[in-house]
Amino acid sequence: MPILVRDVGSVTLGPDLRRGIADLNGEGETVSGIVVMRQGENALRVIERVKAKLKELEPGLPPGVKVVTAYDRSELILASIDNLKHTLIEELAVVALVILIFLWHVPSAVIRLSPFRWRC
C-alpha cells in the first residue's frame, strides 16, 4: 500500500522565494543598487555625477533612511593616476640620464623631458 503525502501532512501554497536580498555589514537587510557605466565613459566623471545626484536626492528620503556607499572606485582611480604620474617622471629622468651618459649630448637629454612638462 503506497504512502501518500496527504496521509502524512497537508500541502499548501507558500510565499515565493525571496530574491535580491542584500545585507550590509551583518546589520540586517538593506536595499542595494549598482551603477552601470557605459563602455568608453570616463569612470571618474561618472562617479562624480552619481555622487552629485545622490546628494540631490538625500533631502527627499524618509526620516531614518540614508544612502551608504559600499564600494567607491574614485580613490583607486586617483591613486592610480598619481602613481602613473610619478612613474612617468622617474622613467623620463632615467631616459634623459642614459642619453646624457652615453651620448654626452645635453640637448638630446633635455628634449625628452620637455613634452611631458607641457602636458602636465
PDB file of N, CA and C in Angstrom:
ATOM      1  N   MET A   1       0.844  -1.163   0.000  1.00  0.00           N
ATOM      2  CA  MET A   1       0.000   0.000   0.000  1.00  0.00           C
ATOM      3  C   MET A   1       0.900   1.240   0.000  1.00  0.00           C
ATOM      4  N   PRO A   2       0.730   2.161  -0.980  1.00  0.00           N
ATOM      5  CA  PRO A   2       1.578   3.360  -1.046  1.00  0.00           C
ATOM      6  C   PRO A   2       1.207   4.355   0.044  1.00  0.00           C
ATOM      7  N   ILE A   3       2.224   5.091   0.504  1.00  0.00           N
ATOM      8  CA  ILE A   3       2.004   6.161   1.485  1.00  0.00           C
ATOM      9  C   ILE A   3       2.040   7.478   0.714  1.00  0.00           C
ATOM     10  N   LEU A   4       0.968   8.231   0.787  1.00  0.00           N
ATOM     11  CA  LEU A   4       0.856   9.493   0.077  1.00  0.00           C
ATOM     12  C   LEU A   4       1.159  10.654   1.020  1.00  0.00           C
ATOM     13  N   VAL A   5       1.483  11.788   0.430  1.00  0.00           N
ATOM     14  CA  VAL A   5       1.788  12.977   1.231  1.00  0.00           C
ATOM     15  C   VAL A   5       0.571  13.404   2.036  1.00  0.00           C
ATOM     16  N   ARG A   6      -0.623  13.290   1.459  1.00  0.00           N
ATOM     17  CA  ARG A   6      -1.834  13.699   2.182  1.00  0.00           C
ATOM     18  C   ARG A   6      -2.090  12.818   3.405  1.00  0.00           C
ATOM     19  N   ASP A   7      -1.519  11.609   3.407  1.00  0.00           N
ATOM     20  CA  ASP A   7      -1.660  10.742   4.576  1.00  0.00           C
ATOM     21  C   ASP A   7      -0.756  11.189   5.714  1.00  0.00           C
ATOM     22  N   VAL A   8       0.354  11.863   5.377  1.00  0.00           N
ATOM     23  CA  VAL A   8       1.346  12.247   6.379  1.00  0.00           C
ATOM     24  C   VAL A   8       1.175  13.692   6.834  1.00  0.00           C
ATOM     25  N   GLY A   9       0.803  14.586   5.917  1.00  0.00           N
ATOM     26  CA  GLY A   9       0.703  16.006   6.247  1.00  0.00           C
ATOM     27  C   GLY A   9      -0.223  16.709   5.280  1.00  0.00           C
ATOM     28  N   SER A  10      -0.190  18.019   5.326  1.00  0.00           N
ATOM     29  CA  SER A  10      -1.028  18.802   4.420  1.00  0.00           C
ATOM     30  C   SER A  10      -0.133  19.601   3.463  1.00  0.00           C
ATOM     31  N   VAL A  11      -0.620  19.801   2.268  1.00  0.00           N
ATOM     32  CA  VAL A  11       0.122  20.547   1.250  1.00  0.00           C
ATOM     33  C   VAL A  11      -0.592  21.869   1.013  1.00  0.00           C
ATOM     34  N   THR A  12       0.141  22.965   1.149  1.00  0.00           N
ATOM     35  CA  THR A  12      -0.415  24.296   0.898  1.00  0.00           C
ATOM     36  C   THR A  12       0.583  25.098   0.073  1.00  0.00           C
ATOM     37  N   LEU A  13       0.096  26.148  -0.560  1.00  0.00           N
ATOM     38  CA  LEU A  13       0.968  27.042  -1.297  1.00  0.00           C
ATOM     39  C   LEU A  13       1.567  28.052  -0.328  1.00  0.00           C
ATOM     40  N   GLY A  14       2.878  28.267  -0.451  1.00  0.00           N
ATOM     41  CA  GLY A  14       3.564  29.230   0.407  1.00  0.00           C
ATOM     42  C   GLY A  14       4.052  30.418  -0.397  1.00  0.00           C
ATOM     43  N   PRO A  15       4.707  31.341   0.255  1.00  0.00           N
ATOM     44  CA  PRO A  15       5.216  32.520  -0.454  1.00  0.00           C
ATOM     45  C   PRO A  15       6.349  32.135  -1.407  1.00  0.00           C
ATOM     46  N   ASP A  16       6.533  32.944  -2.424  1.00  0.00           N
ATOM     47  CA  ASP A  16       7.654  32.730  -3.346  1.00  0.00           C
ATOM     48  C   ASP A  16       8.976  32.922  -2.616  1.00  0.00           C
ATOM     49  N   LEU A  17      10.001  32.313  -3.153  1.00  0.00           N
ATOM     50  CA  LEU A  17      11.333  32.513  -2.596  1.00  0.00           C
ATOM     51  C   LEU A  17      11.766  33.950  -2.824  1.00  0.00           C
ATOM     52  N   ARG A  18      12.380  34.526  -1.813  1.00  0.00           N
ATOM     53  CA  ARG A  18      12.834  35.905  -1.938  1.00  0.00           C
ATOM     54  C   ARG A  18      14.125  35.957  -2.745  1.00  0.00           C
ATOM     55  N   ARG A  19      14.191  36.894  -3.637  1.00  0.00           N
ATOM     56  CA  ARG A  19      15.407  37.090  -4.431  1.00  0.00           C
ATOM     57  C   ARG A  19      15.902  38.510  -4.238  1.00  0.00           C
ATOM     58  N   GLY A  20      17.205  38.696  -4.393  1.00  0.00           N
ATOM     59  CA  GLY A  20      17.773  40.028  -4.305  1.00  0.00           C
ATOM     60  C   GLY A  20      17.930  40.545  -2.892  1.00  0.00           C
ATOM     61  N   ILE A  21      18.030  39.671  -1.940  1.00  0.00           N
ATOM     62  CA  ILE A  21      18.216  40.105  -0.557  1.00  0.00           C
ATOM     63  C   ILE A  21      19.653  40.607  -0.399  1.00  0.00           C
ATOM     64  N   ALA A  22      19.821  41.745   0.233  1.00  0.00           N
ATOM     65  CA  ALA A  22      21.149  42.307   0.469  1.00  0.00           C
ATOM     66  C   ALA A  22      21.327  42.554   1.961  1.00  0.00           C
ATOM     67  N   ASP A  23      22.570  42.406   2.409  1.00  0.00           N
ATOM     68  CA  ASP A  23      22.904  42.622   3.806  1.00  0.00           C
ATOM     69  C   ASP A  23      24.168  43.480   3.836  1.00  0.00           C
ATOM     70  N   LEU A  24      24.209  44.485   4.696  1.00  0.00           N
ATOM     71  CA  LEU A  24      25.370  45.357   4.795  1.00  0.00           C
ATOM     72  C   LEU A  24      26.011  45.227   6.164  1.00  0.00           C
ATOM     73  N   ASN A  25      27.204  44.686   6.203  1.00  0.00           N
ATOM     74  CA  ASN A  25      27.990  44.534   7.433  1.00  0.00           C
ATOM     75  C   ASN A  25      27.269  43.739   8.518  1.00  0.00           C
ATOM     76  N   GLY A  26      26.410  42.833   8.129  1.00  0.00           N
ATOM     77  CA  GLY A  26      25.715  41.988   9.096  1.00  0.00           C
ATOM     78  C   GLY A  26      24.696  42.726   9.946  1.00  0.00           C
ATOM     79  N   GLU A  27      24.247  43.893   9.515  1.00  0.00           N
ATOM     80  CA  GLU A  27      23.315  44.693  10.308  1.00  0.00           C
ATOM     81  C   GLU A  27      21.863  44.491   9.898  1.00  0.00           C
ATOM     82  N   GLY A  28      21.611  43.564   9.027  1.00  0.00           N
ATOM     83  CA  GLY A  28      20.240  43.321   8.608  1.00  0.00           C
ATOM     84  C   GLY A  28      20.038  43.629   7.144  1.00  0.00           C
ATOM     85  N   GLU A  29      18.809  43.389   6.708  1.00  0.00           N
ATOM     86  CA  GLU A  29      18.505  43.565   5.293  1.00  0.00           C
ATOM     87  C   GLU A  29      18.551  45.032   4.891  1.00  0.00           C
ATOM     88  N   THR A  30      18.931  45.238   3.653  1.00  0.00           N
ATOM     89  CA  THR A  30      19.023  46.580   3.118  1.00  0.00           C
ATOM     90  C   THR A  30      18.674  46.566   1.635  1.00  0.00           C
ATOM     91  N   VAL A  31      18.465  47.700   1.085  1.00  0.00           N
ATOM     92  CA  VAL A  31      18.219  47.833  -0.346  1.00  0.00           C
ATOM     93  C   VAL A  31      19.562  48.136  -0.999  1.00  0.00           C
ATOM     94  N   SER A  32      19.836  47.504  -2.125  1.00  0.00           N
ATOM     95  CA  SER A  32      21.110  47.763  -2.790  1.00  0.00           C
ATOM     96  C   SER A  32      20.876  48.181  -4.232  1.00  0.00           C
ATOM     97  N   GLY A  33      21.839  48.861  -4.763  1.00  0.00           N
ATOM     98  CA  GLY A  33      21.771  49.289  -6.153  1.00  0.00           C
ATOM     99  C   GLY A  33      23.162  49.288  -6.751  1.00  0.00           C
ATOM    100  N   ILE A  34      23.236  49.120  -8.036  1.00  0.00           N
ATOM    101  CA  ILE A  34      24.515  49.096  -8.741  1.00  0.00           C
ATOM    102  C   ILE A  34      24.447  50.115  -9.869  1.00  0.00           C
ATOM    103  N   VAL A  35      25.487  50.899  -9.998  1.00  0.00           N
ATOM    104  CA  VAL A  35      25.581  51.857 -11.091  1.00  0.00           C
ATOM    105  C   VAL A  35      26.329  51.171 -12.227  1.00  0.00           C
ATOM    106  N   VAL A  36      25.705  51.119 -13.383  1.00  0.00           N
ATOM    107  CA  VAL A  36      26.332  50.510 -14.564  1.00  0.00           C
ATOM    108  C   VAL A  36      26.765  51.640 -15.486  1.00  0.00           C
ATOM    109  N   MET A  37      28.030  51.606 -15.862  1.00  0.00           N
ATOM    110  CA  MET A  37      28.595  52.658 -16.685  1.00  0.00           C
ATOM    111  C   MET A  37      28.666  52.201 -18.141  1.00  0.00           C
ATOM    112  N   ARG A  38      28.393  53.107 -19.057  1.00  0.00           N
ATOM    113  CA  ARG A  38      28.508  52.781 -20.473  1.00  0.00           C
ATOM    114  C   ARG A  38      29.971  52.557 -20.841  1.00  0.00           C
ATOM    115  N   GLN A  39      30.182  51.711 -21.814  1.00  0.00           N
ATOM    116  CA  GLN A  39      31.532  51.437 -22.280  1.00  0.00           C
ATOM    117  C   GLN A  39      32.130  52.698 -22.904  1.00  0.00           C
ATOM    118  N   GLY A  40      33.359  52.981 -22.553  1.00  0.00           N
ATOM    119  CA  GLY A  40      34.039  54.142 -23.102  1.00  0.00           C
ATOM    120  C   GLY A  40      33.873  55.410 -22.287  1.00  0.00           C
ATOM    121  N   GLU A  41      33.053  55.387 -21.263  1.00  0.00           N
ATOM    122  CA  GLU A  41      32.843  56.566 -20.417  1.00  0.00           C
ATOM    123  C   GLU A  41      34.030  56.750 -19.469  1.00  0.00           C
ATOM    124  N   ASN A  42      34.192  57.957 -18.996  1.00  0.00           N
ATOM    125  CA  ASN A  42      35.209  58.275 -18.011  1.00  0.00           C
ATOM    126  C   ASN A  42      34.655  57.893 -16.637  1.00  0.00           C
ATOM    127  N   ALA A  43      35.251  56.893 -16.012  1.00  0.00           N
ATOM    128  CA  ALA A  43      34.724  56.362 -14.747  1.00  0.00           C
ATOM    129  C   ALA A  43      34.712  57.411 -13.644  1.00  0.00           C
ATOM    130  N   LEU A  44      35.735  58.235 -13.580  1.00  0.00           N
ATOM    131  CA  LEU A  44      35.802  59.239 -12.522  1.00  0.00           C
ATOM    132  C   LEU A  44      34.688  60.274 -12.665  1.00  0.00           C
ATOM    133  N   ARG A  45      34.401  60.683 -13.886  1.00  0.00           N
ATOM    134  CA  ARG A  45      33.303  61.644 -14.103  1.00  0.00           C
ATOM    135  C   ARG A  45      31.943  61.025 -13.790  1.00  0.00           C
ATOM    136  N   VAL A  46      31.767  59.756 -14.148  1.00  0.00           N
ATOM    137  CA  VAL A  46      30.506  59.075 -13.846  1.00  0.00           C
ATOM    138  C   VAL A  46      30.302  58.999 -12.336  1.00  0.00           C
ATOM    139  N   ILE A  47      31.345  58.652 -11.604  1.00  0.00           N
ATOM    140  CA  ILE A  47      31.258  58.558 -10.142  1.00  0.00           C
ATOM    141  C   ILE A  47      30.917  59.918  -9.546  1.00  0.00           C
ATOM    142  N   GLU A  48      31.542  60.978 -10.051  1.00  0.00           N
ATOM    143  CA  GLU A  48      31.247  62.322  -9.545  1.00  0.00           C
ATOM    144  C   GLU A  48      29.782  62.700  -9.803  1.00  0.00           C
ATOM    145  N   ARG A  49      29.259  62.355 -10.998  1.00  0.00           N
ATOM    146  CA  ARG A  49      27.859  62.663 -11.302  1.00  0.00           C
ATOM    147  C   ARG A  49      26.904  61.861 -10.421  1.00  0.00           C
ATOM    148  N   VAL A  50      27.241  60.608 -10.148  1.00  0.00           N
ATOM    149  CA  VAL A  50      26.396  59.777  -9.273  1.00  0.00           C
ATOM    150  C   VAL A  50      26.389  60.346  -7.858  1.00  0.00           C
ATOM    151  N   LYS A  51      27.553  60.751  -7.357  1.00  0.00           N
ATOM    152  CA  LYS A  51      27.623  61.348  -6.020  1.00  0.00           C
ATOM    153  C   LYS A  51      26.791  62.626  -5.950  1.00  0.00           C
ATOM    154  N   ALA A  52      26.873  63.449  -6.990  1.00  0.00           N
ATOM    155  CA  ALA A  52      26.086  64.690  -7.020  1.00  0.00           C
ATOM    156  C   ALA A  52      24.585  64.394  -7.027  1.00  0.00           C
ATOM    157  N   LYS A  53      24.182  63.391  -7.790  1.00  0.00           N
ATOM    158  CA  LYS A  53      22.757  63.029  -7.856  1.00  0.00           C
ATOM    159  C   LYS A  53      22.278  62.477  -6.509  1.00  0.00           C
ATOM    160  N   LEU A  54      23.111  61.677  -5.844  1.00  0.00           N
ATOM    161  CA  LEU A  54      22.730  61.147  -4.528  1.00  0.00           C
ATOM    162  C   LEU A  54      22.576  62.279  -3.510  1.00  0.00           C
ATOM    163  N   LYS A  55      23.465  63.269  -3.562  1.00  0.00           N
ATOM    164  CA  LYS A  55      23.338  64.422  -2.660  1.00  0.00           C
ATOM    165  C   LYS A  55      22.038  65.183  -2.930  1.00  0.00           C
ATOM    166  N   GLU A  56      21.675  65.245  -4.204  1.00  0.00           N
ATOM    167  CA  GLU A  56      20.440  65.921  -4.593  1.00  0.00           C
ATOM    168  C   GLU A  56      19.207  65.174  -4.089  1.00  0.00           C
ATOM    169  N   LEU A  57      19.274  63.847  -4.041  1.00  0.00           N
ATOM    170  CA  LEU A  57      18.127  63.030  -3.625  1.00  0.00           C
ATOM    171  C   LEU A  57      17.995  62.894  -2.112  1.00  0.00           C
ATOM    172  N   GLU A  58      19.075  63.107  -1.355  1.00  0.00           N
ATOM    173  CA  GLU A  58      19.053  62.891   0.094  1.00  0.00           C
ATOM    174  C   GLU A  58      17.961  63.657   0.834  1.00  0.00           C
ATOM    175  N   PRO A  59      17.709  64.925   0.517  1.00  0.00           N
ATOM    176  CA  PRO A  59      16.657  65.641   1.263  1.00  0.00           C
ATOM    177  C   PRO A  59      15.261  65.022   1.102  1.00  0.00           C
ATOM    178  N   GLY A  60      15.017  64.330   0.011  1.00  0.00           N
ATOM    179  CA  GLY A  60      13.696  63.749  -0.228  1.00  0.00           C
ATOM    180  C   GLY A  60      13.506  62.367   0.370  1.00  0.00           C
ATOM    181  N   LEU A  61      14.530  61.815   1.013  1.00  0.00           N
ATOM    182  CA  LEU A  61      14.404  60.481   1.611  1.00  0.00           C
ATOM    183  C   LEU A  61      13.609  60.547   2.909  1.00  0.00           C
ATOM    184  N   PRO A  62      12.901  59.474   3.246  1.00  0.00           N
ATOM    185  CA  PRO A  62      12.156  59.446   4.519  1.00  0.00           C
ATOM    186  C   PRO A  62      13.109  59.548   5.712  1.00  0.00           C
ATOM    187  N   PRO A  63      12.608  59.984   6.847  1.00  0.00           N
ATOM    188  CA  PRO A  63      13.457  60.075   8.042  1.00  0.00           C
ATOM    189  C   PRO A  63      14.048  58.718   8.407  1.00  0.00           C
ATOM    190  N   GLY A  64      15.308  58.701   8.747  1.00  0.00           N
ATOM    191  CA  GLY A  64      15.985  57.469   9.137  1.00  0.00           C
ATOM    192  C   GLY A  64      16.567  56.684   7.967  1.00  0.00           C
ATOM    193  N   VAL A  65      16.275  57.098   6.764  1.00  0.00           N
ATOM    194  CA  VAL A  65      16.802  56.411   5.582  1.00  0.00           C
ATOM    195  C   VAL A  65      18.001  57.201   5.077  1.00  0.00           C
ATOM    196  N   LYS A  66      19.105  56.513   4.844  1.00  0.00           N
ATOM    197  CA  LYS A  66      20.287  57.186   4.324  1.00  0.00           C
ATOM    198  C   LYS A  66      20.945  56.322   3.255  1.00  0.00           C
ATOM    199  N   VAL A  67      21.691  56.967   2.392  1.00  0.00           N
ATOM    200  CA  VAL A  67      22.407  56.276   1.317  1.00  0.00           C
ATOM    201  C   VAL A  67      23.838  56.060   1.787  1.00  0.00           C
ATOM    202  N   VAL A  68      24.268  54.806   1.761  1.00  0.00           N
ATOM    203  CA  VAL A  68      25.619  54.448   2.169  1.00  0.00           C
ATOM    204  C   VAL A  68      26.317  53.825   0.967  1.00  0.00           C
ATOM    205  N   THR A  69      27.485  54.353   0.632  1.00  0.00           N
ATOM    206  CA  THR A  69      28.254  53.805  -0.477  1.00  0.00           C
ATOM    207  C   THR A  69      29.083  52.638   0.035  1.00  0.00           C
ATOM    208  N   ALA A  70      28.936  51.489  -0.617  1.00  0.00           N
ATOM    209  CA  ALA A  70      29.669  50.303  -0.194  1.00  0.00           C
ATOM    210  C   ALA A  70      30.993  50.156  -0.943  1.00  0.00           C
ATOM    211  N   TYR A  71      31.040  50.600  -2.198  1.00  0.00           N
ATOM    212  CA  TYR A  71      32.255  50.457  -2.992  1.00  0.00           C
ATOM    213  C   TYR A  71      32.389  51.664  -3.892  1.00  0.00           C
ATOM    214  N   ASP A  72      33.470  52.398  -3.724  1.00  0.00           N
ATOM    215  CA  ASP A  72      33.715  53.616  -4.488  1.00  0.00           C
ATOM    216  C   ASP A  72      35.089  53.511  -5.141  1.00  0.00           C
ATOM    217  N   ARG A  73      35.116  53.490  -6.468  1.00  0.00           N
ATOM    218  CA  ARG A  73      36.376  53.327  -7.186  1.00  0.00           C
ATOM    219  C   ARG A  73      37.149  54.619  -7.341  1.00  0.00           C
ATOM    220  N   SER A  74      36.595  55.762  -6.978  1.00  0.00           N
ATOM    221  CA  SER A  74      37.256  57.030  -7.254  1.00  0.00           C
ATOM    222  C   SER A  74      38.611  57.144  -6.554  1.00  0.00           C
ATOM    223  N   GLU A  75      38.731  56.667  -5.327  1.00  0.00           N
ATOM    224  CA  GLU A  75      40.016  56.721  -4.626  1.00  0.00           C
ATOM    225  C   GLU A  75      41.054  55.856  -5.336  1.00  0.00           C
ATOM    226  N   LEU A  76      40.652  54.695  -5.804  1.00  0.00           N
ATOM    227  CA  LEU A  76      41.556  53.811  -6.539  1.00  0.00           C
ATOM    228  C   LEU A  76      42.006  54.454  -7.850  1.00  0.00           C
ATOM    229  N   ILE A  77      41.080  55.097  -8.550  1.00  0.00           N
ATOM    230  CA  ILE A  77      41.408  55.750  -9.818  1.00  0.00           C
ATOM    231  C   ILE A  77      42.385  56.893  -9.587  1.00  0.00           C
ATOM    232  N   LEU A  78      42.119  57.729  -8.591  1.00  0.00           N
ATOM    233  CA  LEU A  78      43.008  58.861  -8.305  1.00  0.00           C
ATOM    234  C   LEU A  78      44.392  58.390  -7.873  1.00  0.00           C
ATOM    235  N   ALA A  79      44.455  57.332  -7.068  1.00  0.00           N
ATOM    236  CA  ALA A  79      45.751  56.794  -6.649  1.00  0.00           C
ATOM    237  C   ALA A  79      46.509  56.217  -7.839  1.00  0.00           C
ATOM    238  N   SER A  80      45.803  55.580  -8.762  1.00  0.00           N
ATOM    239  CA  SER A  80      46.443  55.019  -9.956  1.00  0.00           C
ATOM    240  C   SER A  80      47.002  56.125 -10.849  1.00  0.00           C
ATOM    241  N   ILE A  81      46.249  57.199 -11.025  1.00  0.00           N
ATOM    242  CA  ILE A  81      46.722  58.327 -11.837  1.00  0.00           C
ATOM    243  C   ILE A  81      47.955  58.956 -11.198  1.00  0.00           C
ATOM    244  N   ASP A  82      47.919  59.130  -9.885  1.00  0.00           N
ATOM    245  CA  ASP A  82      49.064  59.701  -9.174  1.00  0.00           C
ATOM    246  C   ASP A  82      50.296  58.808  -9.310  1.00  0.00           C
ATOM    247  N   ASN A  83      50.091  57.504  -9.177  1.00  0.00           N
ATOM    248  CA  ASN A  83      51.191  56.552  -9.323  1.00  0.00           C
ATOM    249  C   ASN A  83      51.761  56.602 -10.733  1.00  0.00           C
ATOM    250  N   LEU A  84      50.900  56.700 -11.735  1.00  0.00           N
ATOM    251  CA  LEU A  84      51.349  56.768 -13.124  1.00  0.00           C
ATOM    252  C   LEU A  84      52.172  58.023 -13.372  1.00  0.00           C
ATOM    253  N   LYS A  85      51.738  59.159 -12.829  1.00  0.00           N
ATOM    254  CA  LYS A  85      52.495  60.403 -12.996  1.00  0.00           C
ATOM    255  C   LYS A  85      53.905  60.274 -12.415  1.00  0.00           C
ATOM    256  N   HIS A  86      53.997  59.731 -11.195  1.00  0.00           N
ATOM    257  CA  HIS A  86      55.308  59.577 -10.561  1.00  0.00           C
ATOM    258  C   HIS A  86      56.192  58.617 -11.358  1.00  0.00           C
ATOM    259  N   THR A  87      55.621  57.541 -11.847  1.00  0.00           N
ATOM    260  CA  THR A  87      56.393  56.566 -12.617  1.00  0.00           C
ATOM    261  C   THR A  87      56.880  57.166 -13.929  1.00  0.00           C
ATOM    262  N   LEU A  88      56.030  57.936 -14.607  1.00  0.00           N
ATOM    263  CA  LEU A  88      56.444  58.577 -15.859  1.00  0.00           C
ATOM    264  C   LEU A  88      57.576  59.576 -15.630  1.00  0.00           C
ATOM    265  N   ILE A  89      57.502  60.331 -14.558  1.00  0.00           N
ATOM    266  CA  ILE A  89      58.575  61.284 -14.245  1.00  0.00           C
ATOM    267  C   ILE A  89      59.881  60.541 -14.001  1.00  0.00           C
ATOM    268  N   GLU A  90      59.823  59.447 -13.245  1.00  0.00           N
ATOM    269  CA  GLU A  90      61.032  58.657 -12.988  1.00  0.00           C
ATOM    270  C   GLU A  90      61.608  58.088 -14.281  1.00  0.00           C
ATOM    271  N   GLU A  91      60.739  57.553 -15.141  1.00  0.00           N
ATOM    272  CA  GLU A  91      61.203  56.965 -16.398  1.00  0.00           C
ATOM    273  C   GLU A  91      61.814  58.018 -17.324  1.00  0.00           C
ATOM    274  N   LEU A  92      61.201  59.196 -17.387  1.00  0.00           N
ATOM    275  CA  LEU A  92      61.769  60.268 -18.207  1.00  0.00           C
ATOM    276  C   LEU A  92      63.127  60.708 -17.690  1.00  0.00           C
ATOM    277  N   ALA A  93      63.267  60.761 -16.385  1.00  0.00           N
ATOM    278  CA  ALA A  93      64.553  61.134 -15.808  1.00  0.00           C
ATOM    279  C   ALA A  93      65.615  60.081 -16.117  1.00  0.00           C
ATOM    280  N   VAL A  94      65.249  58.811 -16.043  1.00  0.00           N
ATOM    281  CA  VAL A  94      66.209  57.732 -16.353  1.00  0.00           C
ATOM    282  C   VAL A  94      66.614  57.790 -17.817  1.00  0.00           C
ATOM    283  N   VAL A  95      65.673  57.997 -18.724  1.00  0.00           N
ATOM    284  CA  VAL A  95      65.982  58.079 -20.157  1.00  0.00           C
ATOM    285  C   VAL A  95      66.904  59.271 -20.418  1.00  0.00           C
ATOM    286  N   ALA A  96      66.609  60.416 -19.823  1.00  0.00           N
ATOM    287  CA  ALA A  96      67.456  61.592 -20.012  1.00  0.00           C
ATOM    288  C   ALA A  96      68.856  61.347 -19.476  1.00  0.00           C
ATOM    289  N   LEU A  97      68.955  60.672 -18.343  1.00  0.00           N
ATOM    290  CA  LEU A  97      70.262  60.362 -17.751  1.00  0.00           C
ATOM    291  C   LEU A  97      71.055  59.405 -18.634  1.00  0.00           C
ATOM    292  N   VAL A  98      70.394  58.396 -19.175  1.00  0.00           N
ATOM    293  CA  VAL A  98      71.073  57.436 -20.054  1.00  0.00           C
ATOM    294  C   VAL A  98      71.569  58.130 -21.315  1.00  0.00           C
ATOM    295  N   ILE A  99      70.737  58.985 -21.898  1.00  0.00           N
ATOM    296  CA  ILE A  99      71.158  59.729 -23.094  1.00  0.00           C
ATOM    297  C   ILE A  99      72.346  60.622 -22.765  1.00  0.00           C
ATOM    298  N   LEU A 100      72.276  61.286 -21.620  1.00  0.00           N
ATOM    299  CA  LEU A 100      73.365  62.171 -21.210  1.00  0.00           C
ATOM    300  C   LEU A 100      74.658  61.405 -20.982  1.00  0.00           C
ATOM    301  N   ILE A 101      74.572  60.243 -20.347  1.00  0.00           N
ATOM    302  CA  ILE A 101      75.774  59.456 -20.041  1.00  0.00           C
ATOM    303  C   ILE A 101      76.383  58.868 -21.315  1.00  0.00           C
ATOM    304  N   PHE A 102      75.554  58.263 -22.175  1.00  0.00           N
ATOM    305  CA  PHE A 102      76.098  57.556 -23.336  1.00  0.00           C
ATOM    306  C   PHE A 102      76.387  58.466 -24.526  1.00  0.00           C
ATOM    307  N   LEU A 103      75.628  59.536 -24.704  1.00  0.00           N
ATOM    308  CA  LEU A 103      75.828  60.391 -25.869  1.00  0.00           C
ATOM    309  C   LEU A 103      76.582  61.681 -25.538  1.00  0.00           C
ATOM    310  N   TRP A 104      76.595  62.050 -24.264  1.00  0.00           N
ATOM    311  CA  TRP A 104      77.190  63.305 -23.831  1.00  0.00           C
ATOM    312  C   TRP A 104      76.624  64.465 -24.647  1.00  0.00           C
ATOM    313  N   HIS A 105      75.304  64.417 -24.852  1.00  0.00           N
ATOM    314  CA  HIS A 105      74.647  65.443 -25.643  1.00  0.00           C
ATOM    315  C   HIS A 105      73.475  65.982 -24.834  1.00  0.00           C
ATOM    316  N   VAL A 106      73.666  67.148 -24.239  1.00  0.00           N
ATOM    317  CA  VAL A 106      72.681  67.727 -23.331  1.00  0.00           C
ATOM    318  C   VAL A 106      71.357  68.051 -24.040  1.00  0.00           C
ATOM    319  N   PRO A 107      71.350  68.649 -25.246  1.00  0.00           N
ATOM    320  CA  PRO A 107      70.060  68.948 -25.881  1.00  0.00           C
ATOM    321  C   PRO A 107      69.196  67.704 -26.118  1.00  0.00           C
ATOM    322  N   SER A 108      69.813  66.580 -26.480  1.00  0.00           N
ATOM    323  CA  SER A 108      69.044  65.344 -26.681  1.00  0.00           C
ATOM    324  C   SER A 108      68.448  64.841 -25.383  1.00  0.00           C
ATOM    325  N   ALA A 109      69.153  65.014 -24.292  1.00  0.00           N
ATOM    326  CA  ALA A 109      68.649  64.570 -22.988  1.00  0.00           C
ATOM    327  C   ALA A 109      67.519  65.465 -22.502  1.00  0.00           C
ATOM    328  N   VAL A 110      67.637  66.770 -22.731  1.00  0.00           N
ATOM    329  CA  VAL A 110      66.638  67.714 -22.239  1.00  0.00           C
ATOM    330  C   VAL A 110      65.362  67.652 -23.073  1.00  0.00           C
ATOM    331  N   ILE A 111      65.491  67.390 -24.361  1.00  0.00           N
ATOM    332  CA  ILE A 111      64.297  67.359 -25.235  1.00  0.00           C
ATOM    333  C   ILE A 111      63.345  66.226 -24.851  1.00  0.00           C
ATOM    334  N   ARG A 112      63.827  65.192 -24.202  1.00  0.00           N
ATOM    335  CA  ARG A 112      62.967  64.091 -23.753  1.00  0.00           C
ATOM    336  C   ARG A 112      62.060  64.526 -22.611  1.00  0.00           C
ATOM    337  N   LEU A 113      62.477  65.524 -21.871  1.00  0.00           N
ATOM    338  CA  LEU A 113      61.674  65.984 -20.733  1.00  0.00           C
ATOM    339  C   LEU A 113      60.669  67.074 -21.122  1.00  0.00           C
ATOM    340  N   SER A 114      60.933  67.821 -22.180  1.00  0.00           N
ATOM    341  CA  SER A 114      60.103  68.979 -22.496  1.00  0.00           C
ATOM    342  C   SER A 114      58.649  68.634 -22.871  1.00  0.00           C
ATOM    343  N   PRO A 115      58.327  67.589 -23.658  1.00  0.00           N
ATOM    344  CA  PRO A 115      56.906  67.325 -23.966  1.00  0.00           C
ATOM    345  C   PRO A 115      56.092  66.985 -22.715  1.00  0.00           C
ATOM    346  N   PHE A 116      56.721  66.328 -21.749  1.00  0.00           N
ATOM    347  CA  PHE A 116      55.985  65.946 -20.554  1.00  0.00           C
ATOM    348  C   PHE A 116      55.617  67.190 -19.743  1.00  0.00           C
ATOM    349  N   ARG A 117      56.494  68.180 -19.700  1.00  0.00           N
ATOM    350  CA  ARG A 117      56.206  69.408 -18.952  1.00  0.00           C
ATOM    351  C   ARG A 117      55.025  70.153 -19.539  1.00  0.00           C
ATOM    352  N   TRP A 118      54.898  70.140 -20.854  1.00  0.00           N
ATOM    353  CA  TRP A 118      53.803  70.859 -21.498  1.00  0.00           C
ATOM    354  C   TRP A 118      52.467  70.200 -21.240  1.00  0.00           C
ATOM    355  N   ARG A 119      52.411  68.902 -21.120  1.00  0.00           N
ATOM    356  CA  ARG A 119      51.138  68.181 -20.956  1.00  0.00           C
ATOM    357  C   ARG A 119      50.652  68.226 -19.531  1.00  0.00           C
ATOM    358  N   CYS A 120      51.497  68.370 -18.556  1.00  0.00           N
ATOM    359  CA  CYS A 120      51.050  68.403 -17.175  1.00  0.00           C
ATOM    360  C   CYS A 120      50.516  69.769 -16.900  1.00  0.00           C
TER     361      CYS A 120
END
